[in-house]
Every structure is written in C-alpha cells, then in structure tokens.
N, C-alpha and C. Protein backbone atom coordinates (compact mmCIF):
# COMPACT_ATOMS: atom_id res chain seq x y z
N UNK A 1 -20.98 -19.71 21.05
CA UNK A 1 -20.03 -19.94 19.96
C UNK A 1 -18.67 -20.32 20.53
N UNK A 2 -18.13 -21.46 20.08
CA UNK A 2 -16.82 -21.88 20.57
C UNK A 2 -15.74 -21.26 19.70
N UNK A 3 -14.51 -21.30 20.22
CA UNK A 3 -13.39 -20.74 19.48
C UNK A 3 -13.27 -19.24 19.70
N UNK A 4 -12.29 -18.66 19.02
CA UNK A 4 -12.06 -17.23 19.19
C UNK A 4 -13.01 -16.42 18.32
N UNK A 5 -13.40 -15.26 18.82
CA UNK A 5 -14.24 -14.32 18.07
C UNK A 5 -13.37 -13.11 17.77
N UNK A 6 -12.93 -12.96 16.57
CA UNK A 6 -12.04 -11.86 16.25
C UNK A 6 -12.84 -10.59 15.97
N UNK A 7 -12.48 -9.53 16.67
CA UNK A 7 -13.11 -8.22 16.48
C UNK A 7 -12.05 -7.30 15.87
N UNK A 8 -12.26 -6.90 14.64
CA UNK A 8 -11.29 -6.06 13.95
C UNK A 8 -11.54 -4.59 14.21
N UNK A 9 -10.53 -3.91 14.70
CA UNK A 9 -10.62 -2.47 14.99
C UNK A 9 -9.71 -1.74 14.01
N UNK A 10 -10.29 -0.82 13.25
CA UNK A 10 -9.52 -0.11 12.24
C UNK A 10 -9.89 1.36 12.23
N UNK A 11 -9.34 2.08 11.27
CA UNK A 11 -9.58 3.52 11.15
C UNK A 11 -8.51 4.09 10.24
N UNK A 12 -8.37 5.39 10.22
CA UNK A 12 -7.32 6.01 9.43
C UNK A 12 -6.12 6.32 10.31
N UNK A 13 -4.99 6.60 9.67
CA UNK A 13 -3.82 7.01 10.43
C UNK A 13 -4.15 8.30 11.18
N UNK A 14 -3.93 8.30 12.48
CA UNK A 14 -4.25 9.47 13.29
C UNK A 14 -5.66 9.49 13.85
N UNK A 15 -6.47 8.47 13.54
CA UNK A 15 -7.85 8.46 14.04
C UNK A 15 -7.94 8.02 15.49
N UNK A 16 -6.89 7.35 15.99
CA UNK A 16 -6.88 6.93 17.38
C UNK A 16 -7.29 5.49 17.61
N UNK A 17 -7.22 4.66 16.57
CA UNK A 17 -7.67 3.27 16.70
C UNK A 17 -6.88 2.49 17.74
N UNK A 18 -5.57 2.74 17.82
CA UNK A 18 -4.75 2.00 18.78
C UNK A 18 -5.07 2.42 20.22
N UNK A 19 -5.33 3.69 20.43
CA UNK A 19 -5.73 4.16 21.76
C UNK A 19 -7.03 3.50 22.17
N UNK A 20 -7.98 3.42 21.24
CA UNK A 20 -9.27 2.80 21.53
C UNK A 20 -9.10 1.31 21.79
N UNK A 21 -8.33 0.62 20.97
CA UNK A 21 -8.18 -0.83 21.16
C UNK A 21 -7.46 -1.15 22.46
N UNK A 22 -6.47 -0.33 22.84
CA UNK A 22 -5.78 -0.57 24.12
C UNK A 22 -6.72 -0.33 25.29
N UNK A 23 -7.51 0.75 25.23
CA UNK A 23 -8.49 1.00 26.30
C UNK A 23 -9.49 -0.14 26.39
N UNK A 24 -10.02 -0.56 25.26
CA UNK A 24 -11.01 -1.64 25.21
C UNK A 24 -10.44 -2.91 25.82
N UNK A 25 -9.23 -3.26 25.44
CA UNK A 25 -8.61 -4.48 25.96
C UNK A 25 -8.46 -4.42 27.48
N UNK A 26 -8.05 -3.26 28.00
CA UNK A 26 -7.88 -3.11 29.44
C UNK A 26 -9.24 -3.10 30.14
N UNK A 27 -10.19 -2.39 29.58
CA UNK A 27 -11.53 -2.26 30.18
C UNK A 27 -12.25 -3.61 30.25
N UNK A 28 -12.23 -4.35 29.14
CA UNK A 28 -12.97 -5.61 29.06
C UNK A 28 -12.11 -6.84 29.37
N UNK A 29 -10.82 -6.60 29.67
CA UNK A 29 -9.88 -7.68 29.98
C UNK A 29 -9.86 -8.73 28.86
N UNK A 30 -9.61 -8.22 27.65
CA UNK A 30 -9.57 -9.08 26.47
C UNK A 30 -8.17 -9.10 25.88
N UNK A 31 -7.79 -10.21 25.25
CA UNK A 31 -6.51 -10.23 24.54
C UNK A 31 -6.56 -9.29 23.34
N UNK A 32 -5.41 -8.70 23.03
CA UNK A 32 -5.33 -7.75 21.91
C UNK A 32 -4.10 -8.07 21.07
N UNK A 33 -4.29 -8.05 19.76
CA UNK A 33 -3.18 -8.26 18.83
C UNK A 33 -3.09 -7.05 17.91
N UNK A 34 -1.88 -6.52 17.78
CA UNK A 34 -1.62 -5.37 16.92
C UNK A 34 -0.97 -5.88 15.64
N UNK A 35 -1.68 -5.73 14.52
CA UNK A 35 -1.16 -6.26 13.25
C UNK A 35 0.10 -5.53 12.82
N UNK A 36 0.24 -4.27 13.18
CA UNK A 36 1.50 -3.57 12.89
C UNK A 36 2.68 -4.29 13.54
N UNK A 37 2.47 -4.74 14.79
CA UNK A 37 3.53 -5.46 15.50
C UNK A 37 3.79 -6.81 14.84
N UNK A 38 2.72 -7.48 14.41
CA UNK A 38 2.87 -8.75 13.70
C UNK A 38 3.71 -8.55 12.44
N UNK A 39 3.42 -7.46 11.70
CA UNK A 39 4.18 -7.19 10.47
C UNK A 39 5.64 -6.86 10.78
N UNK A 40 5.86 -6.15 11.89
CA UNK A 40 7.25 -5.85 12.27
C UNK A 40 8.02 -7.14 12.54
N UNK A 41 7.35 -8.10 13.21
CA UNK A 41 7.99 -9.39 13.47
C UNK A 41 8.30 -10.12 12.17
N UNK A 42 7.36 -10.06 11.23
CA UNK A 42 7.55 -10.75 9.95
C UNK A 42 8.70 -10.16 9.14
N UNK A 43 9.06 -8.89 9.43
CA UNK A 43 10.11 -8.22 8.68
C UNK A 43 11.46 -8.26 9.37
N UNK A 44 11.56 -9.01 10.48
CA UNK A 44 12.87 -9.22 11.08
C UNK A 44 13.71 -10.12 10.17
N UNK A 45 15.01 -10.01 10.32
CA UNK A 45 15.93 -10.76 9.44
C UNK A 45 15.60 -12.26 9.43
N UNK A 46 15.49 -12.79 8.23
CA UNK A 46 15.23 -14.21 7.96
C UNK A 46 13.79 -14.65 8.24
N UNK A 47 12.93 -13.72 8.67
CA UNK A 47 11.52 -14.06 8.85
C UNK A 47 10.83 -14.04 7.48
N UNK A 48 9.64 -14.66 7.36
CA UNK A 48 9.00 -14.79 6.04
C UNK A 48 8.80 -13.47 5.29
N UNK A 49 8.38 -12.42 5.99
CA UNK A 49 8.19 -11.14 5.32
C UNK A 49 9.50 -10.55 4.81
N UNK A 50 10.53 -10.69 5.61
CA UNK A 50 11.87 -10.22 5.22
C UNK A 50 12.35 -10.96 3.98
N UNK A 51 12.17 -12.26 3.98
CA UNK A 51 12.59 -13.06 2.83
C UNK A 51 11.83 -12.67 1.57
N UNK A 52 10.52 -12.40 1.72
CA UNK A 52 9.71 -12.01 0.57
C UNK A 52 10.17 -10.67 0.01
N UNK A 53 10.46 -9.71 0.89
CA UNK A 53 10.94 -8.40 0.43
C UNK A 53 12.33 -8.49 -0.17
N UNK A 54 13.17 -9.27 0.45
CA UNK A 54 14.55 -9.42 -0.01
C UNK A 54 14.60 -9.88 -1.47
N UNK A 55 13.59 -10.68 -1.83
CA UNK A 55 13.58 -11.25 -3.18
C UNK A 55 13.06 -10.28 -4.24
N UNK A 56 12.47 -9.16 -3.82
CA UNK A 56 11.82 -8.33 -4.84
C UNK A 56 12.10 -6.83 -4.74
N UNK A 57 12.79 -6.35 -3.70
CA UNK A 57 13.09 -4.92 -3.63
C UNK A 57 14.60 -4.70 -3.64
N UNK A 58 14.98 -3.47 -3.93
CA UNK A 58 16.37 -3.10 -4.07
C UNK A 58 17.14 -3.25 -2.76
N UNK A 59 18.45 -3.52 -2.88
CA UNK A 59 19.31 -3.68 -1.71
C UNK A 59 19.41 -2.40 -0.88
N UNK A 60 19.09 -1.26 -1.47
CA UNK A 60 19.16 0.00 -0.74
C UNK A 60 18.18 0.05 0.43
N UNK A 61 17.20 -0.83 0.44
CA UNK A 61 16.23 -0.88 1.54
C UNK A 61 16.74 -1.69 2.73
N UNK A 62 17.95 -2.22 2.64
CA UNK A 62 18.50 -3.04 3.71
C UNK A 62 19.83 -2.47 4.21
N UNK A 63 20.07 -2.62 5.50
CA UNK A 63 21.33 -2.20 6.09
C UNK A 63 22.41 -3.25 5.78
N UNK A 64 23.68 -2.89 6.00
CA UNK A 64 24.76 -3.86 5.75
C UNK A 64 24.60 -5.16 6.55
N UNK A 65 23.97 -5.06 7.76
CA UNK A 65 23.80 -6.27 8.56
C UNK A 65 22.53 -7.04 8.17
N UNK A 66 21.83 -6.58 7.13
CA UNK A 66 20.65 -7.29 6.64
C UNK A 66 19.33 -6.75 7.14
N UNK A 67 19.37 -5.95 8.20
CA UNK A 67 18.11 -5.43 8.74
C UNK A 67 17.46 -4.47 7.74
N UNK A 68 16.13 -4.48 7.75
CA UNK A 68 15.36 -3.61 6.85
C UNK A 68 15.46 -2.16 7.30
N UNK A 69 15.66 -1.26 6.35
CA UNK A 69 15.58 0.18 6.64
C UNK A 69 14.11 0.58 6.61
N UNK A 70 13.47 0.45 7.75
CA UNK A 70 12.02 0.62 7.81
C UNK A 70 11.56 2.02 7.41
N UNK A 71 12.28 3.05 7.86
CA UNK A 71 11.87 4.42 7.54
C UNK A 71 12.01 4.69 6.04
N UNK A 72 13.03 4.12 5.42
CA UNK A 72 13.23 4.29 3.97
C UNK A 72 12.10 3.59 3.21
N UNK A 73 11.77 2.38 3.65
CA UNK A 73 10.67 1.65 3.01
C UNK A 73 9.35 2.39 3.18
N UNK A 74 9.11 2.91 4.38
CA UNK A 74 7.87 3.62 4.64
C UNK A 74 7.74 4.84 3.72
N UNK A 75 8.80 5.61 3.57
CA UNK A 75 8.77 6.80 2.71
C UNK A 75 8.51 6.40 1.26
N UNK A 76 9.14 5.32 0.83
CA UNK A 76 8.96 4.86 -0.55
C UNK A 76 7.52 4.40 -0.79
N UNK A 77 6.94 3.74 0.19
CA UNK A 77 5.57 3.25 0.05
C UNK A 77 4.59 4.41 -0.06
N UNK A 78 4.76 5.44 0.77
CA UNK A 78 3.87 6.59 0.71
C UNK A 78 4.02 7.36 -0.61
N UNK A 79 5.21 7.30 -1.20
CA UNK A 79 5.48 8.05 -2.43
C UNK A 79 5.10 7.28 -3.69
N UNK A 80 4.97 5.98 -3.60
CA UNK A 80 4.78 5.14 -4.79
C UNK A 80 3.64 4.14 -4.55
N UNK A 81 2.48 4.42 -5.16
CA UNK A 81 1.33 3.54 -4.97
C UNK A 81 1.60 2.12 -5.45
N UNK A 82 2.35 2.01 -6.55
CA UNK A 82 2.65 0.68 -7.07
C UNK A 82 3.47 -0.14 -6.11
N UNK A 83 4.44 0.50 -5.49
CA UNK A 83 5.28 -0.22 -4.53
C UNK A 83 4.48 -0.58 -3.29
N UNK A 84 3.61 0.33 -2.86
CA UNK A 84 2.78 0.03 -1.69
C UNK A 84 1.92 -1.21 -1.94
N UNK A 85 1.32 -1.28 -3.12
CA UNK A 85 0.49 -2.43 -3.45
C UNK A 85 1.32 -3.71 -3.51
N UNK A 86 2.53 -3.60 -4.03
CA UNK A 86 3.41 -4.77 -4.12
C UNK A 86 3.78 -5.28 -2.74
N UNK A 87 4.17 -4.37 -1.85
CA UNK A 87 4.56 -4.77 -0.50
C UNK A 87 3.36 -5.33 0.26
N UNK A 88 2.21 -4.67 0.12
CA UNK A 88 1.00 -5.16 0.80
C UNK A 88 0.64 -6.57 0.33
N UNK A 89 0.79 -6.81 -0.97
CA UNK A 89 0.45 -8.12 -1.53
C UNK A 89 1.36 -9.21 -0.96
N UNK A 90 2.59 -8.84 -0.65
CA UNK A 90 3.53 -9.81 -0.07
C UNK A 90 3.27 -10.05 1.41
N UNK A 91 3.05 -8.96 2.16
CA UNK A 91 3.02 -9.04 3.63
C UNK A 91 1.65 -9.40 4.19
N UNK A 92 0.58 -8.89 3.60
CA UNK A 92 -0.75 -9.10 4.17
C UNK A 92 -1.14 -10.58 4.32
N UNK A 93 -0.93 -11.42 3.32
CA UNK A 93 -1.27 -12.85 3.52
C UNK A 93 -0.47 -13.50 4.64
N UNK A 94 0.79 -13.12 4.76
CA UNK A 94 1.62 -13.67 5.84
C UNK A 94 1.10 -13.25 7.21
N UNK A 95 0.70 -11.97 7.31
CA UNK A 95 0.19 -11.46 8.58
C UNK A 95 -1.13 -12.12 8.95
N UNK A 96 -2.00 -12.31 7.98
CA UNK A 96 -3.29 -12.95 8.25
C UNK A 96 -3.10 -14.40 8.68
N UNK A 97 -2.19 -15.08 8.03
CA UNK A 97 -1.90 -16.47 8.41
C UNK A 97 -1.37 -16.55 9.84
N UNK A 98 -0.46 -15.63 10.20
CA UNK A 98 0.10 -15.64 11.55
C UNK A 98 -0.97 -15.29 12.58
N UNK A 99 -1.86 -14.34 12.25
CA UNK A 99 -2.97 -14.00 13.14
C UNK A 99 -3.84 -15.22 13.41
N UNK A 100 -4.18 -15.94 12.38
CA UNK A 100 -5.04 -17.12 12.55
C UNK A 100 -4.37 -18.19 13.40
N UNK A 101 -3.07 -18.37 13.21
CA UNK A 101 -2.36 -19.38 13.99
C UNK A 101 -2.27 -18.98 15.46
N UNK A 102 -2.12 -17.69 15.71
CA UNK A 102 -1.99 -17.24 17.10
C UNK A 102 -3.32 -17.23 17.85
N UNK A 103 -4.42 -17.20 17.15
CA UNK A 103 -5.72 -17.11 17.82
C UNK A 103 -6.53 -18.40 17.76
N UNK A 104 -6.04 -19.40 17.07
CA UNK A 104 -6.87 -20.60 16.85
C UNK A 104 -7.20 -21.33 18.15
N UNK A 105 -6.37 -21.20 19.18
CA UNK A 105 -6.61 -21.92 20.43
C UNK A 105 -7.16 -21.01 21.54
N UNK A 106 -7.51 -19.78 21.19
CA UNK A 106 -8.06 -18.84 22.18
C UNK A 106 -9.57 -18.94 22.19
N UNK A 107 -10.15 -19.09 23.36
CA UNK A 107 -11.60 -19.10 23.49
C UNK A 107 -12.09 -17.69 23.78
N UNK A 108 -13.12 -17.26 23.07
CA UNK A 108 -13.73 -15.96 23.34
C UNK A 108 -13.19 -14.85 22.46
N UNK A 109 -13.60 -13.62 22.74
CA UNK A 109 -13.25 -12.48 21.88
C UNK A 109 -11.76 -12.15 21.92
N UNK A 110 -11.25 -11.74 20.77
CA UNK A 110 -9.89 -11.22 20.65
C UNK A 110 -9.97 -9.92 19.86
N UNK A 111 -9.41 -8.85 20.41
CA UNK A 111 -9.38 -7.58 19.70
C UNK A 111 -8.15 -7.55 18.80
N UNK A 112 -8.37 -7.15 17.56
CA UNK A 112 -7.27 -7.11 16.59
C UNK A 112 -7.22 -5.71 15.98
N UNK A 113 -6.12 -5.02 16.22
CA UNK A 113 -5.90 -3.67 15.69
C UNK A 113 -5.33 -3.82 14.28
N UNK A 114 -6.13 -3.44 13.27
CA UNK A 114 -5.75 -3.66 11.87
C UNK A 114 -5.87 -2.36 11.07
N UNK A 115 -4.78 -1.62 10.88
CA UNK A 115 -4.87 -0.34 10.18
C UNK A 115 -5.49 -0.44 8.78
N UNK A 116 -5.14 -1.49 8.04
CA UNK A 116 -5.59 -1.61 6.64
C UNK A 116 -6.59 -2.76 6.47
N UNK A 117 -7.49 -2.91 7.39
CA UNK A 117 -8.44 -4.03 7.37
C UNK A 117 -9.21 -4.09 6.05
N UNK A 118 -9.82 -2.97 5.65
CA UNK A 118 -10.63 -2.97 4.44
C UNK A 118 -9.76 -2.93 3.18
N UNK A 119 -8.65 -2.20 3.23
CA UNK A 119 -7.75 -2.17 2.09
C UNK A 119 -7.22 -3.56 1.75
N UNK A 120 -6.98 -4.36 2.80
CA UNK A 120 -6.44 -5.71 2.62
C UNK A 120 -7.53 -6.73 2.28
N UNK A 121 -8.80 -6.35 2.41
CA UNK A 121 -9.89 -7.28 2.14
C UNK A 121 -10.06 -8.34 3.20
N UNK A 122 -9.83 -7.96 4.47
CA UNK A 122 -9.88 -8.93 5.56
C UNK A 122 -11.25 -9.00 6.26
N UNK A 123 -12.27 -8.40 5.72
CA UNK A 123 -13.55 -8.34 6.43
C UNK A 123 -14.04 -9.71 6.89
N UNK A 124 -13.88 -10.72 6.05
CA UNK A 124 -14.42 -12.05 6.38
C UNK A 124 -13.65 -12.74 7.50
N UNK A 125 -12.50 -12.19 7.89
CA UNK A 125 -11.72 -12.81 8.97
C UNK A 125 -12.27 -12.46 10.35
N UNK A 126 -13.22 -11.51 10.41
CA UNK A 126 -13.68 -11.00 11.70
C UNK A 126 -15.17 -11.21 11.92
N UNK A 127 -15.49 -11.48 13.18
CA UNK A 127 -16.90 -11.59 13.56
C UNK A 127 -17.58 -10.23 13.44
N UNK A 128 -16.90 -9.17 13.89
CA UNK A 128 -17.40 -7.79 13.79
C UNK A 128 -16.24 -6.88 13.43
N UNK A 129 -16.55 -5.80 12.72
CA UNK A 129 -15.54 -4.79 12.40
C UNK A 129 -15.96 -3.45 13.01
N UNK A 130 -14.97 -2.74 13.53
CA UNK A 130 -15.21 -1.46 14.21
C UNK A 130 -14.27 -0.42 13.61
N UNK A 131 -14.83 0.71 13.20
CA UNK A 131 -14.02 1.82 12.71
C UNK A 131 -13.96 2.91 13.77
N UNK A 132 -12.76 3.35 14.10
CA UNK A 132 -12.55 4.52 14.96
C UNK A 132 -12.45 5.72 14.03
N UNK A 133 -13.43 6.61 14.14
CA UNK A 133 -13.58 7.69 13.17
C UNK A 133 -13.04 9.02 13.69
N UNK A 134 -12.31 9.70 12.80
CA UNK A 134 -11.95 11.11 13.01
C UNK A 134 -11.83 11.72 11.62
N UNK A 135 -12.22 12.96 11.47
CA UNK A 135 -12.18 13.60 10.16
C UNK A 135 -10.74 13.78 9.69
N UNK A 136 -10.58 14.05 8.41
CA UNK A 136 -9.26 14.15 7.78
C UNK A 136 -8.38 15.21 8.45
N UNK A 137 -8.95 16.39 8.72
CA UNK A 137 -8.16 17.48 9.31
C UNK A 137 -7.64 17.08 10.69
N UNK A 138 -8.50 16.45 11.48
CA UNK A 138 -8.10 16.00 12.82
C UNK A 138 -6.99 14.96 12.72
N UNK A 139 -7.14 14.02 11.79
CA UNK A 139 -6.11 12.98 11.62
C UNK A 139 -4.77 13.60 11.22
N UNK A 140 -4.81 14.53 10.28
CA UNK A 140 -3.56 15.17 9.83
C UNK A 140 -2.89 15.92 10.99
N UNK A 141 -3.70 16.62 11.78
CA UNK A 141 -3.14 17.37 12.92
C UNK A 141 -2.50 16.43 13.92
N UNK A 142 -3.13 15.31 14.19
CA UNK A 142 -2.59 14.34 15.14
C UNK A 142 -1.30 13.70 14.62
N UNK A 143 -1.25 13.39 13.34
CA UNK A 143 -0.06 12.80 12.76
C UNK A 143 1.12 13.77 12.84
N UNK A 144 0.85 15.05 12.55
CA UNK A 144 1.90 16.07 12.65
C UNK A 144 2.48 16.11 14.06
N UNK A 145 1.60 16.13 15.06
CA UNK A 145 2.06 16.20 16.44
C UNK A 145 2.73 14.94 16.92
N UNK A 146 2.19 13.80 16.53
CA UNK A 146 2.71 12.51 17.00
C UNK A 146 4.04 12.15 16.36
N UNK A 147 4.14 12.36 15.04
CA UNK A 147 5.32 11.92 14.29
C UNK A 147 6.29 13.05 14.00
N UNK A 148 5.92 14.26 14.41
CA UNK A 148 6.77 15.43 14.18
C UNK A 148 7.12 15.58 12.70
N UNK A 149 6.09 15.52 11.84
CA UNK A 149 6.27 15.65 10.40
C UNK A 149 5.52 16.89 9.91
N UNK A 150 5.92 17.45 8.77
CA UNK A 150 5.21 18.62 8.23
C UNK A 150 3.81 18.24 7.73
N UNK A 151 2.92 19.24 7.62
CA UNK A 151 1.54 18.97 7.21
C UNK A 151 1.40 18.24 5.88
N UNK A 152 2.26 18.56 4.90
CA UNK A 152 2.12 17.91 3.61
C UNK A 152 2.44 16.42 3.69
N UNK A 153 3.40 16.05 4.52
CA UNK A 153 3.73 14.63 4.70
C UNK A 153 2.62 13.90 5.44
N UNK A 154 2.04 14.56 6.45
CA UNK A 154 0.92 13.96 7.17
C UNK A 154 -0.27 13.76 6.23
N UNK A 155 -0.55 14.75 5.39
CA UNK A 155 -1.66 14.65 4.44
C UNK A 155 -1.44 13.52 3.46
N UNK A 156 -0.20 13.33 3.03
CA UNK A 156 0.13 12.25 2.10
C UNK A 156 -0.11 10.89 2.75
N UNK A 157 0.26 10.77 4.01
CA UNK A 157 0.06 9.51 4.73
C UNK A 157 -1.43 9.20 4.88
N UNK A 158 -2.22 10.23 5.20
CA UNK A 158 -3.67 10.04 5.34
C UNK A 158 -4.29 9.66 3.99
N UNK A 159 -3.84 10.31 2.92
CA UNK A 159 -4.40 10.06 1.59
C UNK A 159 -4.04 8.69 1.05
N UNK A 160 -2.96 8.10 1.57
CA UNK A 160 -2.52 6.79 1.08
C UNK A 160 -3.48 5.68 1.48
N UNK A 161 -4.37 5.97 2.44
CA UNK A 161 -5.32 4.96 2.91
C UNK A 161 -6.71 5.25 2.35
N UNK A 162 -7.58 4.26 2.43
CA UNK A 162 -8.97 4.43 2.05
C UNK A 162 -9.59 5.56 2.87
N UNK A 163 -10.47 6.34 2.27
CA UNK A 163 -11.11 7.45 2.98
C UNK A 163 -11.83 6.92 4.22
N UNK A 164 -11.68 7.65 5.33
CA UNK A 164 -12.25 7.20 6.60
C UNK A 164 -13.77 7.08 6.53
N UNK A 165 -14.41 7.95 5.73
CA UNK A 165 -15.86 7.87 5.58
C UNK A 165 -16.29 6.57 4.93
N UNK A 166 -15.53 6.12 3.95
CA UNK A 166 -15.85 4.84 3.29
C UNK A 166 -15.65 3.68 4.25
N UNK A 167 -14.60 3.75 5.06
CA UNK A 167 -14.39 2.70 6.06
C UNK A 167 -15.57 2.64 7.04
N UNK A 168 -16.02 3.82 7.47
CA UNK A 168 -17.14 3.88 8.41
C UNK A 168 -18.40 3.25 7.82
N UNK A 169 -18.63 3.47 6.53
CA UNK A 169 -19.81 2.91 5.86
C UNK A 169 -19.72 1.39 5.78
N UNK A 170 -18.53 0.85 5.70
CA UNK A 170 -18.36 -0.61 5.57
C UNK A 170 -18.39 -1.33 6.91
N UNK A 171 -18.13 -0.62 8.00
CA UNK A 171 -17.97 -1.26 9.31
C UNK A 171 -19.30 -1.67 9.93
N UNK A 172 -19.22 -2.64 10.84
CA UNK A 172 -20.40 -3.01 11.62
C UNK A 172 -20.71 -1.96 12.69
N UNK A 173 -19.65 -1.33 13.22
CA UNK A 173 -19.80 -0.33 14.29
C UNK A 173 -18.81 0.80 14.07
N UNK A 174 -19.18 2.00 14.55
CA UNK A 174 -18.30 3.17 14.43
C UNK A 174 -18.18 3.84 15.79
N UNK A 175 -16.96 4.16 16.18
CA UNK A 175 -16.70 4.93 17.39
C UNK A 175 -16.16 6.29 16.96
N UNK A 176 -16.84 7.35 17.37
CA UNK A 176 -16.46 8.71 16.99
C UNK A 176 -15.37 9.21 17.94
N UNK A 177 -14.18 9.43 17.40
CA UNK A 177 -13.05 9.88 18.22
C UNK A 177 -12.57 11.26 17.79
N UNK A 178 -13.50 12.12 17.40
CA UNK A 178 -13.11 13.47 16.98
C UNK A 178 -12.95 14.41 18.15
N UNK A 179 -13.61 14.11 19.25
CA UNK A 179 -13.69 15.08 20.33
C UNK A 179 -12.98 14.59 21.59
N UNK A 180 -13.60 14.74 22.74
CA UNK A 180 -12.89 14.44 23.98
C UNK A 180 -12.77 12.93 24.23
N UNK A 181 -11.68 12.56 24.88
CA UNK A 181 -11.37 11.16 25.14
C UNK A 181 -12.40 10.51 26.04
N UNK A 182 -13.01 11.27 26.94
CA UNK A 182 -14.04 10.72 27.82
C UNK A 182 -15.22 10.18 27.00
N UNK A 183 -15.67 10.96 26.02
CA UNK A 183 -16.78 10.50 25.18
C UNK A 183 -16.39 9.27 24.38
N UNK A 184 -15.16 9.23 23.91
CA UNK A 184 -14.69 8.05 23.17
C UNK A 184 -14.70 6.82 24.08
N UNK A 185 -14.23 6.97 25.30
CA UNK A 185 -14.21 5.84 26.23
C UNK A 185 -15.62 5.36 26.55
N UNK A 186 -16.56 6.31 26.68
CA UNK A 186 -17.95 5.93 26.96
C UNK A 186 -18.53 5.12 25.81
N UNK A 187 -18.27 5.56 24.59
CA UNK A 187 -18.75 4.81 23.42
C UNK A 187 -18.14 3.41 23.37
N UNK A 188 -16.85 3.35 23.65
CA UNK A 188 -16.14 2.07 23.60
C UNK A 188 -16.67 1.11 24.66
N UNK A 189 -16.87 1.61 25.87
CA UNK A 189 -17.38 0.78 26.95
C UNK A 189 -18.79 0.27 26.62
N UNK A 190 -19.61 1.14 26.04
CA UNK A 190 -20.96 0.74 25.66
C UNK A 190 -20.92 -0.36 24.61
N UNK A 191 -20.08 -0.18 23.59
CA UNK A 191 -19.99 -1.19 22.53
C UNK A 191 -19.43 -2.50 23.08
N UNK A 192 -18.44 -2.42 23.97
CA UNK A 192 -17.88 -3.63 24.57
C UNK A 192 -18.96 -4.42 25.31
N UNK A 193 -19.80 -3.70 26.06
CA UNK A 193 -20.89 -4.36 26.78
C UNK A 193 -21.93 -4.96 25.85
N UNK A 194 -22.25 -4.23 24.79
CA UNK A 194 -23.25 -4.71 23.83
C UNK A 194 -22.76 -5.98 23.15
N UNK A 195 -21.51 -5.99 22.72
CA UNK A 195 -20.97 -7.18 22.05
C UNK A 195 -20.88 -8.36 23.00
N UNK A 196 -20.53 -8.08 24.25
CA UNK A 196 -20.46 -9.17 25.23
C UNK A 196 -21.83 -9.83 25.41
N UNK A 197 -22.87 -9.02 25.43
CA UNK A 197 -24.23 -9.55 25.60
C UNK A 197 -24.68 -10.34 24.38
N UNK A 198 -24.32 -9.88 23.19
CA UNK A 198 -24.82 -10.48 21.96
C UNK A 198 -23.99 -11.66 21.47
N UNK A 199 -22.74 -11.74 21.90
CA UNK A 199 -21.89 -12.80 21.37
C UNK A 199 -21.23 -13.62 22.46
N UNK A 200 -21.79 -13.59 23.65
CA UNK A 200 -21.24 -14.37 24.76
C UNK A 200 -21.38 -15.86 24.47
C-alpha cells in the first residue's frame, strides 16, 4: 500500500495513551503526531482555531494580548456539555484537515495520538484504531496525581469522555494499561510487529 497508513491511538484521560504512543514511536521508529499539540497550534493567536473561537465565545476567554486563556476554557468545557460540543465542532474539522495535510506526503505508518477519536467520529481517517485501556478508577487516580487536582475534578474529566469500555469495543485493537508498564510495553511491541507484518 502506497502513501501513509494512519494508526489512531486513543483511550480515556489518564489511560496512558500518550505514554504508549511515545514508546511505540521510539520502538518502531515511526513518525508520531499528537492531535492535542495540533489543536494547541490551531489555537495560537490568528490561527484558524483561534479565529473560530474568537467569533463565538466570550472575551473573558482571552487575555488582553489576545492569547487564549486555555485553563479557563478547559474548565468551562468540562462544566458545560453544550460548550464542549460547540468547541469540538469548531476545532475538530480544522485538526483533521491539518493532520491530512501533514501526512499526505509520508510513506508508511504514522502513529496519531487522538484523545477524542471516537467522539469526533474520525474512525474512517485511520487504517487501524487502537485503544489504550485502563479502568475508570485507575484513570481518575492517575489524573489526580498527574494534574494535582481533587478526585471530583478528575472524575468529571473522565466522565466528559466516552466510556473507555465503549471505546475498547469499537477499536480494532486494545492494549491493557491497567497494570505494570513492562506488560504494556510487551503488548505494544507485539502489536507493532503484527501490524508491520500485515500492512507492510
């Protein structure tokens, strides 16, 4: 198969998808794109995402110099489902378009870390989809430790996304990241080898 083969890696907040995708990229020497980083770029001043938000959200979400107050926006999104859907509707198409433009000239597999792959309806953009799985309690505990937030805020962030079990049912492959990192790396290495053999 010519052209790029996009492999979408997703999961829930705190499931460890970014750790897995970074390990996979290093292990298999593959290019990796983080959609969160793509969205951050789109929300820089005068970029398409910034312009889209500027036209539809309150000025309180922006600093005097025009930069987006990201933490304020994030809190508002977690607290308001309607606003989250509105922002996602604006930003997701822009991010998908930028992803396609950045990968159109790459030959071979590209790993793409996509937190909201299924929520955004991006399944058809990928040759294979992979869910990094961890149960809700584990995800909440990791978010508390990583972001230094109270348990109720971590639980709210986890609940704002599609249930991890439903994501696992939709995916082509699942990597279990509930336990030790060694086992997770073994699963990832095995899947990397399997995909290389089947889609070389």
